Amino acid sequence: MNLQFISDDEGHRLAVILPIQEYVRICEELEELESIRAYDAAKNSAEEIIPFEQAVEEIEKSRK
C-alpha cells in the first residue's frame, strides 16, 4: 500500500491519507474486533450466560 501523509512545516507527520475502500475495510475489521472482544469479555464473566446471537444484537443496538 502506498501511504500518503500530511505533514506540518517541520516535517512531522500529522495525518495519513487512505483510499476510501481501505478506510471502510479498516472500520469493518475494527467492528468485528469489538464484537470478538465483547464476546470474550462475556465468556470470561461470571454473569448470566446469554446466547451469542442475543449478545451480538445487544452490541449492535448499543452502537446506534
N, C-alpha and C. Protein backbone atom coordinates (compact mmCIF):
# COMPACT_ATOMS: atom_id res chain seq x y z
N MET A 1 0.85 -1.17 0.00
CA MET A 1 0.00 0.00 0.00
C MET A 1 0.90 1.24 0.00
N ASN A 2 0.54 2.19 -0.79
CA ASN A 2 1.29 3.43 -0.90
C ASN A 2 0.62 4.48 -0.02
N LEU A 3 1.20 4.74 1.17
CA LEU A 3 0.61 5.70 2.10
C LEU A 3 1.06 7.12 1.78
N GLN A 4 0.15 8.05 1.96
CA GLN A 4 0.46 9.46 1.81
C GLN A 4 0.21 10.13 3.16
N PHE A 5 1.06 11.08 3.52
CA PHE A 5 0.95 11.73 4.81
C PHE A 5 0.78 13.23 4.65
N ILE A 6 0.12 13.83 5.62
CA ILE A 6 0.05 15.28 5.74
C ILE A 6 1.04 15.63 6.84
N SER A 7 1.95 16.54 6.55
CA SER A 7 2.99 16.92 7.49
C SER A 7 2.90 18.41 7.82
N ASP A 8 3.43 18.77 8.99
CA ASP A 8 3.50 20.19 9.34
C ASP A 8 4.74 20.80 8.69
N ASP A 9 4.97 22.06 8.94
CA ASP A 9 6.10 22.78 8.33
C ASP A 9 7.46 22.20 8.71
N GLU A 10 7.50 21.47 9.84
CA GLU A 10 8.75 20.89 10.31
C GLU A 10 8.94 19.44 9.86
N GLY A 11 7.98 18.95 9.09
CA GLY A 11 8.08 17.59 8.57
C GLY A 11 7.50 16.52 9.47
N HIS A 12 6.86 16.91 10.59
CA HIS A 12 6.23 15.93 11.47
C HIS A 12 4.92 15.45 10.84
N ARG A 13 4.75 14.15 10.80
CA ARG A 13 3.53 13.59 10.21
C ARG A 13 2.34 13.86 11.13
N LEU A 14 1.28 14.39 10.56
CA LEU A 14 0.09 14.74 11.31
C LEU A 14 -1.10 13.84 10.99
N ALA A 15 -1.16 13.33 9.78
CA ALA A 15 -2.30 12.53 9.35
C ALA A 15 -1.88 11.65 8.18
N VAL A 16 -2.73 10.69 7.88
CA VAL A 16 -2.48 9.80 6.75
C VAL A 16 -3.68 9.88 5.80
N ILE A 17 -3.43 9.77 4.53
CA ILE A 17 -4.49 9.76 3.52
C ILE A 17 -4.65 8.33 3.04
N LEU A 18 -5.87 7.81 3.15
CA LEU A 18 -6.18 6.43 2.75
C LEU A 18 -7.22 6.44 1.63
N PRO A 19 -7.14 5.48 0.73
CA PRO A 19 -8.25 5.30 -0.20
C PRO A 19 -9.50 4.92 0.59
N ILE A 20 -10.66 5.37 0.15
CA ILE A 20 -11.90 5.13 0.88
C ILE A 20 -12.16 3.64 1.09
N GLN A 21 -11.80 2.80 0.12
CA GLN A 21 -12.01 1.36 0.27
C GLN A 21 -11.19 0.81 1.44
N GLU A 22 -9.99 1.31 1.60
CA GLU A 22 -9.14 0.87 2.71
C GLU A 22 -9.71 1.33 4.04
N TYR A 23 -10.20 2.56 4.08
CA TYR A 23 -10.82 3.10 5.29
C TYR A 23 -12.03 2.26 5.69
N VAL A 24 -12.88 1.93 4.74
CA VAL A 24 -14.08 1.12 5.01
C VAL A 24 -13.66 -0.26 5.52
N ARG A 25 -12.66 -0.86 4.90
CA ARG A 25 -12.19 -2.18 5.33
C ARG A 25 -11.68 -2.14 6.76
N ILE A 26 -10.92 -1.12 7.09
CA ILE A 26 -10.40 -0.97 8.45
C ILE A 26 -11.54 -0.81 9.45
N CYS A 27 -12.52 0.01 9.12
CA CYS A 27 -13.68 0.20 10.01
C CYS A 27 -14.43 -1.10 10.24
N GLU A 28 -14.63 -1.87 9.18
CA GLU A 28 -15.32 -3.16 9.31
C GLU A 28 -14.54 -4.12 10.19
N GLU A 29 -13.23 -4.15 10.02
CA GLU A 29 -12.40 -5.04 10.84
C GLU A 29 -12.40 -4.60 12.30
N LEU A 30 -12.42 -3.30 12.55
CA LEU A 30 -12.49 -2.81 13.93
C LEU A 30 -13.81 -3.18 14.59
N GLU A 31 -14.91 -3.11 13.83
CA GLU A 31 -16.21 -3.52 14.36
C GLU A 31 -16.21 -5.00 14.71
N GLU A 32 -15.61 -5.82 13.84
CA GLU A 32 -15.53 -7.25 14.10
C GLU A 32 -14.68 -7.51 15.34
N LEU A 33 -13.57 -6.82 15.47
CA LEU A 33 -12.71 -6.98 16.64
C LEU A 33 -13.45 -6.58 17.91
N GLU A 34 -14.23 -5.51 17.85
CA GLU A 34 -15.01 -5.08 19.00
C GLU A 34 -16.00 -6.17 19.43
N SER A 35 -16.64 -6.80 18.45
CA SER A 35 -17.57 -7.89 18.75
C SER A 35 -16.85 -9.07 19.38
N ILE A 36 -15.68 -9.39 18.87
CA ILE A 36 -14.90 -10.51 19.42
C ILE A 36 -14.50 -10.20 20.86
N ARG A 37 -14.05 -9.00 21.11
CA ARG A 37 -13.66 -8.61 22.48
C ARG A 37 -14.85 -8.65 23.42
N ALA A 38 -16.00 -8.18 22.96
CA ALA A 38 -17.20 -8.23 23.80
C ALA A 38 -17.58 -9.67 24.11
N TYR A 39 -17.48 -10.53 23.11
CA TYR A 39 -17.78 -11.94 23.30
C TYR A 39 -16.82 -12.55 24.32
N ASP A 40 -15.53 -12.27 24.16
CA ASP A 40 -14.53 -12.80 25.09
C ASP A 40 -14.78 -12.31 26.51
N ALA A 41 -15.12 -11.03 26.65
CA ALA A 41 -15.39 -10.48 27.98
C ALA A 41 -16.61 -11.15 28.59
N ALA A 42 -17.65 -11.36 27.79
CA ALA A 42 -18.86 -12.02 28.29
C ALA A 42 -18.57 -13.46 28.66
N LYS A 43 -17.77 -14.12 27.86
CA LYS A 43 -17.43 -15.52 28.10
C LYS A 43 -16.66 -15.68 29.41
N ASN A 44 -15.79 -14.73 29.71
CA ASN A 44 -14.97 -14.79 30.92
C ASN A 44 -15.65 -14.19 32.14
N SER A 45 -16.85 -13.67 31.96
CA SER A 45 -17.57 -13.03 33.05
C SER A 45 -18.35 -14.07 33.86
N ALA A 46 -18.60 -13.74 35.11
CA ALA A 46 -19.39 -14.62 35.97
C ALA A 46 -20.88 -14.31 35.85
N GLU A 47 -21.22 -13.39 34.97
CA GLU A 47 -22.62 -13.02 34.80
C GLU A 47 -23.41 -14.12 34.09
N GLU A 48 -24.72 -13.92 34.05
CA GLU A 48 -25.61 -14.88 33.40
C GLU A 48 -25.20 -15.09 31.95
N ILE A 49 -25.23 -16.30 31.50
CA ILE A 49 -24.87 -16.64 30.12
C ILE A 49 -26.07 -16.38 29.22
N ILE A 50 -25.83 -15.67 28.11
CA ILE A 50 -26.88 -15.44 27.12
C ILE A 50 -26.40 -15.97 25.78
N PRO A 51 -27.33 -16.31 24.91
CA PRO A 51 -26.93 -16.82 23.59
C PRO A 51 -26.10 -15.79 22.81
N PHE A 52 -25.17 -16.28 22.01
CA PHE A 52 -24.28 -15.42 21.24
C PHE A 52 -25.07 -14.46 20.36
N GLU A 53 -26.10 -14.95 19.69
CA GLU A 53 -26.90 -14.12 18.80
C GLU A 53 -27.52 -12.95 19.56
N GLN A 54 -27.99 -13.22 20.77
CA GLN A 54 -28.58 -12.16 21.59
C GLN A 54 -27.52 -11.14 21.98
N ALA A 55 -26.34 -11.61 22.31
CA ALA A 55 -25.25 -10.71 22.68
C ALA A 55 -24.90 -9.80 21.50
N VAL A 56 -24.82 -10.37 20.30
CA VAL A 56 -24.50 -9.58 19.11
C VAL A 56 -25.58 -8.54 18.85
N GLU A 57 -26.84 -8.92 19.01
CA GLU A 57 -27.94 -7.99 18.82
C GLU A 57 -27.84 -6.83 19.80
N GLU A 58 -27.53 -7.13 21.06
CA GLU A 58 -27.41 -6.08 22.07
C GLU A 58 -26.23 -5.15 21.76
N ILE A 59 -25.17 -5.71 21.29
CA ILE A 59 -23.99 -4.89 20.92
C ILE A 59 -24.35 -3.98 19.76
N GLU A 60 -25.01 -4.52 18.75
CA GLU A 60 -25.40 -3.71 17.59
C GLU A 60 -26.36 -2.60 18.00
N LYS A 61 -27.30 -2.89 18.89
CA LYS A 61 -28.24 -1.86 19.35
C LYS A 61 -27.51 -0.75 20.09
N SER A 62 -26.49 -1.11 20.87
CA SER A 62 -25.76 -0.10 21.64
C SER A 62 -24.94 0.82 20.74
N ARG A 63 -24.61 0.39 19.55
CA ARG A 63 -23.82 1.20 18.62
C ARG A 63 -24.65 2.29 17.96
N LYS A 64 -25.96 2.12 17.93
CA LYS A 64 -26.83 3.08 17.21
C LYS A 64 -27.11 4.30 18.01
